[in-house]
């Protein structure tokens, strides 16, 4: 069976045979589905939680929204 991988930055599923694998000096393996994700995380050092088009940002936004509703 083929292993299902998710992009380390945006969270999308990567189809087998596509994407980019990046190995850091400490041995951590990062998988990217597009060059856009690689550039944002490695070259520009952006955080997925604060980048609007990522899955992690959507989760963070929903959590903030629920917290505001609960507070009211």
N, C-alpha and C. Protein backbone atom coordinates (compact mmCIF):
# COMPACT_ATOMS: atom_id res chain seq x y z
N UNK A 1 0.84 -1.18 0.00
CA UNK A 1 0.00 0.00 0.00
C UNK A 1 0.88 1.25 0.00
N UNK A 2 0.44 2.26 -0.69
CA UNK A 2 1.19 3.50 -0.79
C UNK A 2 0.94 4.36 0.45
N UNK A 3 2.01 4.93 0.98
CA UNK A 3 1.90 5.77 2.17
C UNK A 3 1.33 7.13 1.78
N UNK A 4 0.34 7.59 2.54
CA UNK A 4 -0.26 8.90 2.28
C UNK A 4 0.52 9.95 3.05
N UNK A 5 0.99 10.98 2.35
CA UNK A 5 1.76 12.05 2.99
C UNK A 5 0.98 13.35 2.92
N UNK A 6 1.20 14.19 3.93
CA UNK A 6 0.59 15.52 3.96
C UNK A 6 1.70 16.55 3.86
N UNK A 7 1.39 17.66 3.23
CA UNK A 7 2.35 18.76 3.11
C UNK A 7 2.64 19.31 4.51
N UNK A 8 3.91 19.52 4.80
CA UNK A 8 4.32 20.02 6.12
C UNK A 8 3.88 21.46 6.34
N UNK A 9 3.58 22.19 5.28
CA UNK A 9 3.20 23.59 5.43
C UNK A 9 1.69 23.80 5.31
N UNK A 10 1.10 23.40 4.20
CA UNK A 10 -0.31 23.72 3.98
C UNK A 10 -1.27 22.62 4.44
N UNK A 11 -0.80 21.38 4.57
CA UNK A 11 -1.64 20.31 5.08
C UNK A 11 -2.38 19.51 4.02
N UNK A 12 -2.17 19.78 2.74
CA UNK A 12 -2.85 19.03 1.68
C UNK A 12 -2.20 17.67 1.50
N UNK A 13 -2.99 16.71 1.03
CA UNK A 13 -2.48 15.36 0.76
C UNK A 13 -1.63 15.41 -0.51
N UNK A 14 -0.47 14.74 -0.46
CA UNK A 14 0.44 14.70 -1.60
C UNK A 14 0.27 13.37 -2.31
N UNK A 15 0.03 13.41 -3.62
CA UNK A 15 -0.11 12.18 -4.39
C UNK A 15 1.24 11.50 -4.52
N UNK A 16 1.25 10.17 -4.55
CA UNK A 16 2.51 9.44 -4.68
C UNK A 16 3.25 9.82 -5.96
N UNK A 17 4.56 10.00 -5.84
CA UNK A 17 5.38 10.35 -7.00
C UNK A 17 5.45 11.83 -7.29
N UNK A 18 4.83 12.65 -6.45
CA UNK A 18 4.86 14.09 -6.66
C UNK A 18 5.37 14.76 -5.40
N UNK A 19 5.64 16.04 -5.48
CA UNK A 19 6.05 16.80 -4.32
C UNK A 19 7.55 16.84 -4.14
N UNK A 20 7.96 17.42 -3.02
CA UNK A 20 9.37 17.61 -2.73
C UNK A 20 9.64 17.20 -1.28
N UNK A 21 10.74 16.47 -1.07
CA UNK A 21 11.13 16.07 0.26
C UNK A 21 12.36 16.89 0.66
N UNK A 22 12.34 17.46 1.85
CA UNK A 22 13.44 18.29 2.35
C UNK A 22 13.90 17.69 3.67
N UNK A 23 15.19 17.40 3.78
CA UNK A 23 15.75 16.84 5.01
C UNK A 23 16.63 17.89 5.67
N UNK A 24 16.28 18.27 6.90
CA UNK A 24 17.06 19.26 7.63
C UNK A 24 18.31 18.62 8.23
N UNK A 25 19.23 19.44 8.69
CA UNK A 25 20.49 18.95 9.26
C UNK A 25 20.29 18.06 10.47
N UNK A 26 19.22 18.30 11.22
CA UNK A 26 18.95 17.49 12.40
C UNK A 26 18.23 16.17 12.08
N UNK A 27 17.96 15.91 10.81
CA UNK A 27 17.32 14.66 10.40
C UNK A 27 15.82 14.74 10.22
N UNK A 28 15.22 15.87 10.50
CA UNK A 28 13.78 16.05 10.32
C UNK A 28 13.44 16.05 8.84
N UNK A 29 12.43 15.28 8.46
CA UNK A 29 12.01 15.20 7.06
C UNK A 29 10.74 16.01 6.88
N UNK A 30 10.76 16.94 5.92
CA UNK A 30 9.59 17.74 5.59
C UNK A 30 9.16 17.41 4.18
N UNK A 31 7.85 17.30 3.97
CA UNK A 31 7.29 17.02 2.65
C UNK A 31 6.50 18.23 2.19
N UNK A 32 6.68 18.62 0.93
CA UNK A 32 5.97 19.76 0.36
C UNK A 32 5.26 19.33 -0.91
N UNK A 33 4.02 19.81 -1.10
CA UNK A 33 3.27 19.46 -2.31
C UNK A 33 3.57 20.40 -3.46
N UNK A 34 4.01 21.61 -3.17
CA UNK A 34 4.29 22.59 -4.23
C UNK A 34 5.50 23.43 -3.84
N UNK A 35 6.11 24.02 -4.84
CA UNK A 35 7.26 24.88 -4.60
C UNK A 35 6.85 26.10 -3.77
N UNK A 36 5.60 26.50 -3.87
CA UNK A 36 5.07 27.63 -3.10
C UNK A 36 5.20 27.35 -1.59
N UNK A 37 4.87 26.15 -1.19
CA UNK A 37 4.96 25.78 0.23
C UNK A 37 6.41 25.73 0.68
N UNK A 38 7.28 25.16 -0.14
CA UNK A 38 8.70 25.08 0.19
C UNK A 38 9.29 26.48 0.39
N UNK A 39 9.01 27.37 -0.54
CA UNK A 39 9.55 28.73 -0.46
C UNK A 39 9.04 29.47 0.77
N UNK A 40 7.75 29.32 1.06
CA UNK A 40 7.17 30.01 2.22
C UNK A 40 7.77 29.52 3.53
N UNK A 41 7.99 28.22 3.66
CA UNK A 41 8.46 27.68 4.94
C UNK A 41 9.98 27.78 5.08
N UNK A 42 10.73 27.38 4.07
CA UNK A 42 12.18 27.29 4.19
C UNK A 42 12.87 28.62 3.86
N UNK A 43 12.55 29.20 2.74
CA UNK A 43 13.25 30.40 2.31
C UNK A 43 12.74 31.67 3.01
N UNK A 44 11.43 31.80 3.13
CA UNK A 44 10.86 33.02 3.71
C UNK A 44 10.58 32.88 5.21
N UNK A 45 10.73 31.66 5.74
CA UNK A 45 10.55 31.37 7.17
C UNK A 45 9.20 31.82 7.72
N UNK A 46 8.16 31.58 6.96
CA UNK A 46 6.80 31.92 7.41
C UNK A 46 6.23 30.80 8.25
N UNK A 47 5.27 31.15 9.08
CA UNK A 47 4.60 30.19 9.95
C UNK A 47 3.25 29.85 9.32
N UNK A 48 2.92 28.57 9.26
CA UNK A 48 1.68 28.13 8.61
C UNK A 48 0.44 28.68 9.31
N UNK A 49 0.50 28.89 10.63
CA UNK A 49 -0.66 29.40 11.37
C UNK A 49 -1.05 30.80 10.95
N UNK A 50 -0.08 31.58 10.46
CA UNK A 50 -0.36 32.98 10.10
C UNK A 50 -0.50 33.20 8.61
N UNK A 51 -0.35 32.16 7.80
CA UNK A 51 -0.48 32.27 6.35
C UNK A 51 -1.91 31.87 5.98
N UNK A 52 -2.65 32.80 5.42
CA UNK A 52 -4.10 32.67 5.27
C UNK A 52 -4.57 31.46 4.47
N UNK A 53 -3.85 31.02 3.47
CA UNK A 53 -4.32 29.97 2.58
C UNK A 53 -4.02 28.56 3.06
N UNK A 54 -3.43 28.39 4.25
CA UNK A 54 -3.09 27.06 4.75
C UNK A 54 -4.22 26.48 5.60
N UNK A 55 -4.20 25.16 5.74
CA UNK A 55 -5.20 24.46 6.53
C UNK A 55 -5.05 24.81 8.02
N UNK A 56 -3.81 24.96 8.45
CA UNK A 56 -3.55 25.29 9.86
C UNK A 56 -4.08 26.68 10.22
N UNK A 57 -4.04 27.61 9.28
CA UNK A 57 -4.57 28.95 9.53
C UNK A 57 -6.09 28.90 9.67
N UNK A 58 -6.74 28.06 8.87
CA UNK A 58 -8.19 27.93 8.95
C UNK A 58 -8.60 27.34 10.30
N UNK A 59 -7.85 26.37 10.78
CA UNK A 59 -8.13 25.76 12.09
C UNK A 59 -7.95 26.80 13.20
N UNK A 60 -6.89 27.58 13.11
CA UNK A 60 -6.62 28.63 14.09
C UNK A 60 -7.74 29.68 14.09
N UNK A 61 -8.20 30.04 12.90
CA UNK A 61 -9.27 31.04 12.77
C UNK A 61 -10.57 30.53 13.39
N UNK A 62 -10.89 29.25 13.14
CA UNK A 62 -12.10 28.66 13.72
C UNK A 62 -12.01 28.62 15.24
N UNK A 63 -10.83 28.30 15.77
CA UNK A 63 -10.65 28.24 17.22
C UNK A 63 -10.85 29.62 17.85
N UNK A 64 -10.31 30.64 17.19
CA UNK A 64 -10.49 32.01 17.71
C UNK A 64 -11.96 32.42 17.66
N UNK A 65 -12.64 32.02 16.58
CA UNK A 65 -14.05 32.37 16.42
C UNK A 65 -14.89 31.69 17.51
N UNK A 66 -14.63 30.39 17.78
CA UNK A 66 -15.35 29.68 18.82
C UNK A 66 -15.08 30.27 20.20
N UNK A 67 -13.86 30.71 20.45
CA UNK A 67 -13.51 31.31 21.73
C UNK A 67 -14.25 32.62 21.93
N UNK A 68 -14.38 33.41 20.86
CA UNK A 68 -15.11 34.68 20.96
C UNK A 68 -16.58 34.44 21.22
N UNK A 69 -17.17 33.43 20.55
CA UNK A 69 -18.59 33.12 20.74
C UNK A 69 -18.85 32.62 22.16
N UNK A 70 -17.93 31.82 22.66
CA UNK A 70 -18.06 31.28 24.00
C UNK A 70 -17.97 32.38 25.06
N UNK A 71 -17.13 33.37 24.78
CA UNK A 71 -16.91 34.48 25.71
C UNK A 71 -18.15 35.36 25.83
N UNK A 72 -18.89 35.49 24.74
CA UNK A 72 -20.07 36.38 24.72
C UNK A 72 -21.25 35.82 25.42
